[in-house]
Amino acid sequence: MTGAAERCPLSVMFTSKDAKKSVAFYRDKLGFTLEEVWPSADDPKWANLMLDGQSVMIGAEMSPEDAAKMCGGDEGAATYMKTLCEEFKSNKPGVGIVTYVTVKDVDAYHKTVTSRGVKAPPPKTQFYGIRDFAIQDPDGYRLMFFTAVAMETCQSCEMPLSDAKPGQMYCQYCSDEQGKLKPYEIVLEGTTRGYFMEHMKMPRPEAEKAAREHLKKMPAWAGRS
């Protein structure tokens, strides 16, 4: 996820029941810069706010009929926009969606926004290589602000990661050349032979049983029976 964030800057648009209030929240509370707004900041129908190259756009709620009128006679676009407006009116905004926004220092950013009155839990380091915290905007959209961090141990076998890059989850023994996690059976075999048999001097049956119990506790294999 962190690699994708580095390759593709965020660009998302939220429909808002009170666009002026939302623009003020992102600008004054979260520190976004208001780059463009139409027709005016006093009565925004659309706005683009930026944070470290990432864009959050705000679109004011419109009636299906007004949205269709703005499509220049394009029937396909008018139908699409009318559907979006009707769905927004009948559903809670943003249900099932969490938008991730990267920041340079998540702890410093959290301190800044909470000092401005934003309610947010303390940042937490996740096993998948990021440190994050969540907020909700005035319309209920959920955002997760995060910074990639270097993990101390492999999240597959618990081997120390002395030279880990931010966002790296696995050691060289548990990952392939692309950094992707190897299949469970390969990791199990390596843990059985490399650690429990060679290092701990256990016989094969006992070593494999110990390896299975050990991997069961690792985040990468959580939920595996």
Protein backbone atom coordinates (compact mmCIF):
# COMPACT_ATOMS: atom_id res chain seq x y z
CA MET A 1 0.00 0.00 0.00
CA THR A 2 2.76 2.46 0.85
CA GLY A 3 4.48 1.80 -2.47
CA ALA A 4 1.26 2.54 -4.34
CA ALA A 5 0.86 5.80 -2.42
CA GLU A 6 4.33 6.89 -3.51
CA ARG A 7 3.65 6.07 -7.18
CA CYS A 8 0.11 7.51 -7.44
CA PRO A 9 -0.70 10.76 -5.61
CA LEU A 10 -4.16 10.75 -4.08
CA SER A 11 -7.00 12.40 -5.99
CA VAL A 12 -10.51 11.94 -4.59
CA MET A 13 -13.78 13.86 -4.60
CA PHE A 14 -16.37 13.97 -1.80
CA THR A 15 -19.94 15.20 -2.16
CA SER A 16 -20.80 17.50 0.73
CA LYS A 17 -24.08 18.63 2.26
CA ASP A 18 -22.35 21.86 3.33
CA ALA A 19 -19.45 22.53 0.97
CA LYS A 20 -18.40 25.76 2.67
CA LYS A 21 -18.11 23.97 6.02
CA SER A 22 -16.15 21.11 4.47
CA VAL A 23 -13.73 23.44 2.68
CA ALA A 24 -13.07 25.26 5.96
CA PHE A 25 -12.49 21.94 7.77
CA TYR A 26 -9.88 20.68 5.31
CA ARG A 27 -8.19 24.08 5.03
CA ASP A 28 -8.28 25.35 8.62
CA LYS A 29 -8.26 22.12 10.65
CA LEU A 30 -6.33 19.64 8.47
CA GLY A 31 -3.93 22.09 6.84
CA PHE A 32 -4.87 21.55 3.20
CA THR A 33 -4.24 24.42 0.78
CA LEU A 34 -7.25 25.66 -1.19
CA GLU A 35 -5.97 25.63 -4.78
CA GLU A 36 -9.12 26.18 -6.83
CA VAL A 37 -12.73 26.96 -6.01
CA TRP A 38 -15.84 27.61 -8.13
CA PRO A 39 -17.70 29.92 -8.28
CA SER A 40 -16.34 31.50 -5.08
CA ALA A 41 -14.98 30.65 -1.65
CA ASP A 42 -18.07 32.22 -0.07
CA ASP A 43 -20.41 29.88 -1.96
CA PRO A 44 -18.36 26.91 -3.23
CA LYS A 45 -19.98 24.41 -5.56
CA TRP A 46 -16.63 22.74 -6.20
CA ALA A 47 -13.22 23.10 -4.60
CA ASN A 48 -9.81 21.46 -4.87
CA LEU A 49 -7.66 21.25 -1.73
CA MET A 50 -4.07 19.97 -1.71
CA LEU A 51 -1.78 18.42 0.92
CA ASP A 52 1.73 17.33 -0.11
CA GLY A 53 0.70 16.75 -3.72
CA GLN A 54 -2.54 14.95 -2.80
CA SER A 55 -5.92 16.28 -3.86
CA VAL A 56 -9.22 16.19 -2.00
CA MET A 57 -12.01 17.79 -4.01
CA ILE A 58 -15.31 18.90 -2.50
CA GLY A 59 -18.49 18.99 -4.56
CA ALA A 60 -21.65 20.58 -3.19
CA GLU A 61 -24.75 18.42 -3.00
CA MET A 62 -27.12 19.12 -5.90
CA SER A 63 -30.56 17.99 -6.92
CA PRO A 64 -30.57 15.29 -9.63
CA GLU A 65 -32.23 17.74 -12.01
CA ASP A 66 -29.63 20.49 -11.49
CA ALA A 67 -26.79 18.01 -11.87
CA ALA A 68 -28.23 16.80 -15.18
CA LYS A 69 -28.49 20.37 -16.49
CA MET A 70 -24.74 20.83 -16.06
CA CYS A 71 -23.92 18.01 -18.50
CA GLY A 72 -24.32 20.07 -21.68
CA GLY A 73 -26.95 17.86 -23.25
CA ASP A 74 -24.92 14.65 -22.88
CA GLU A 75 -27.64 12.17 -21.97
CA GLY A 76 -25.24 9.51 -20.77
CA ALA A 77 -23.45 11.92 -18.44
CA ALA A 78 -26.77 13.36 -17.25
CA THR A 79 -28.05 9.90 -16.33
CA TYR A 80 -24.80 9.12 -14.52
CA MET A 81 -24.87 12.36 -12.51
CA LYS A 82 -28.55 12.02 -11.64
CA THR A 83 -27.89 8.52 -10.32
CA LEU A 84 -25.02 9.76 -8.15
CA CYS A 85 -27.18 12.52 -6.68
CA GLU A 86 -30.08 10.17 -5.96
CA GLU A 87 -27.79 7.63 -4.30
CA PHE A 88 -26.16 10.32 -2.15
CA LYS A 89 -29.56 11.49 -0.90
CA SER A 90 -30.62 8.00 0.14
CA ASN A 91 -27.36 6.74 1.69
CA LYS A 92 -24.91 7.70 4.41
CA PRO A 93 -21.84 9.35 2.79
CA GLY A 94 -18.72 7.23 2.48
CA VAL A 95 -19.98 4.01 4.03
CA GLY A 96 -17.44 1.23 3.49
CA ILE A 97 -14.70 3.57 2.24
CA VAL A 98 -11.53 4.72 4.01
CA THR A 99 -9.31 7.21 2.16
CA TYR A 100 -5.59 7.04 2.99
CA VAL A 101 -3.57 10.27 2.97
CA THR A 102 0.20 10.17 3.46
CA VAL A 103 1.99 12.75 5.62
CA LYS A 104 5.70 13.24 6.32
CA ASP A 105 5.47 12.76 10.10
CA VAL A 106 2.20 11.29 11.34
CA ASP A 107 2.89 12.05 15.00
CA ALA A 108 3.70 15.70 14.34
CA TYR A 109 0.68 15.99 12.05
CA HIS A 110 -1.59 14.44 14.68
CA LYS A 111 -0.32 16.93 17.26
CA THR A 112 -1.05 19.81 14.88
CA VAL A 113 -4.59 18.84 13.92
CA THR A 114 -5.67 17.91 17.44
CA SER A 115 -4.39 21.29 18.66
CA ARG A 116 -6.88 22.78 16.19
CA GLY A 117 -9.77 20.89 17.74
CA VAL A 118 -9.85 17.78 15.53
CA LYS A 119 -10.83 14.66 17.49
CA ALA A 120 -8.59 11.71 16.61
CA PRO A 121 -7.14 8.69 18.44
CA PRO A 122 -3.35 8.56 18.91
CA PRO A 123 -1.28 7.24 15.98
CA LYS A 124 -0.70 3.50 15.97
CA THR A 125 1.97 1.44 14.23
CA GLN A 126 0.44 -1.31 12.08
CA PHE A 127 2.07 -4.61 11.20
CA TYR A 128 1.84 -3.77 7.49
CA GLY A 129 4.49 -1.05 7.75
CA ILE A 130 2.63 2.19 8.41
CA ARG A 131 1.81 4.35 11.43
CA ASP A 132 -1.64 5.91 11.20
CA PHE A 133 -4.65 7.55 12.80
CA ALA A 134 -8.23 8.04 11.62
CA ILE A 135 -10.64 10.97 11.49
CA GLN A 136 -14.08 11.72 10.08
CA ASP A 137 -14.87 14.93 8.20
CA PRO A 138 -18.10 16.96 8.71
CA ASP A 139 -20.03 14.74 6.26
CA GLY A 140 -18.79 11.50 7.81
CA TYR A 141 -16.14 10.56 5.25
CA ARG A 142 -13.37 8.53 6.88
CA LEU A 143 -9.73 9.43 6.32
CA MET A 144 -6.61 7.63 7.50
CA PHE A 145 -3.47 9.76 7.75
CA PHE A 146 -0.29 7.71 7.70
CA THR A 147 3.49 7.62 7.43
CA ALA A 148 5.45 4.57 6.25
CA VAL A 149 7.70 3.28 9.04
CA ALA A 150 10.55 0.80 9.33
CA MET A 151 9.52 -2.36 11.16
CA GLU A 152 11.86 -3.89 13.73
CA THR A 153 10.99 -7.52 13.00
CA CYS A 154 9.69 -9.60 10.10
CA GLN A 155 5.91 -9.84 10.27
CA SER A 156 6.07 -13.41 8.98
CA CYS A 157 8.76 -15.09 11.13
CA GLU A 158 9.86 -12.43 13.68
CA MET A 159 13.45 -12.26 12.46
CA PRO A 160 15.06 -8.83 13.21
CA LEU A 161 14.94 -6.32 10.33
CA SER A 162 18.09 -4.32 10.97
CA ASP A 163 18.17 -2.57 7.57
CA ALA A 164 14.47 -2.45 6.78
CA LYS A 165 13.10 0.30 4.55
CA PRO A 166 9.94 2.16 5.59
CA GLY A 167 6.95 -0.01 4.72
CA GLN A 168 8.99 -3.23 4.48
CA MET A 169 7.17 -6.08 6.23
CA TYR A 170 9.22 -9.22 5.57
CA CYS A 171 12.80 -10.46 5.83
CA GLN A 172 14.81 -11.84 2.93
CA TYR A 173 13.93 -15.41 3.87
CA CYS A 174 10.16 -14.86 3.85
CA SER A 175 9.94 -12.70 0.72
CA ASP A 176 10.78 -13.12 -2.95
CA GLU A 177 12.85 -10.79 -5.16
CA GLN A 178 9.88 -8.39 -5.48
CA GLY A 179 9.44 -8.24 -1.71
CA LYS A 180 6.22 -10.27 -1.80
CA LEU A 181 5.48 -12.84 0.90
CA LYS A 182 6.38 -16.41 -0.04
CA PRO A 183 3.74 -19.18 0.27
CA TYR A 184 3.12 -20.49 3.77
CA GLU A 185 4.58 -23.95 3.11
CA ILE A 186 7.89 -22.43 1.97
CA VAL A 187 8.11 -20.18 5.02
CA LEU A 188 7.14 -23.11 7.26
CA GLU A 189 9.90 -25.27 5.81
CA GLY A 190 12.48 -22.51 6.19
CA THR A 191 11.44 -21.86 9.79
CA THR A 192 11.44 -25.55 10.60
CA ARG A 193 14.85 -26.31 9.15
CA GLY A 194 16.65 -22.98 9.51
CA TYR A 195 15.65 -22.12 13.05
CA PHE A 196 14.18 -24.99 15.00
CA MET A 197 16.28 -27.83 13.53
CA GLU A 198 19.61 -26.10 12.86
CA HIS A 199 19.62 -23.41 15.55
CA MET A 200 17.52 -25.05 18.29
CA LYS A 201 18.73 -28.60 17.45
CA MET A 202 15.21 -30.10 17.48
CA PRO A 203 14.34 -33.34 15.64
CA ARG A 204 12.18 -32.90 12.55
CA PRO A 205 8.73 -33.76 14.00
CA GLU A 206 9.20 -31.56 17.06
CA ALA A 207 10.72 -28.75 14.98
CA GLU A 208 7.83 -28.66 12.50
CA LYS A 209 5.28 -28.60 15.30
CA ALA A 210 7.15 -25.74 16.99
CA ALA A 211 7.39 -23.85 13.68
CA ARG A 212 3.65 -24.14 13.08
CA GLU A 213 2.91 -22.83 16.55
CA HIS A 214 5.36 -19.97 16.09
CA LEU A 215 3.99 -18.87 12.70
CA LYS A 216 0.44 -19.02 14.03
CA LYS A 217 1.32 -16.05 16.24
CA MET A 218 2.70 -13.94 13.38
CA PRO A 219 0.57 -11.15 11.78
CA ALA A 220 1.23 -12.45 8.27
CA TRP A 221 -0.44 -15.76 9.10
CA ALA A 222 -3.20 -14.50 11.41
CA GLY A 223 -6.37 -16.51 11.09
CA ARG A 224 -4.65 -19.50 9.51
CA SER A 225 -5.81 -22.72 11.15
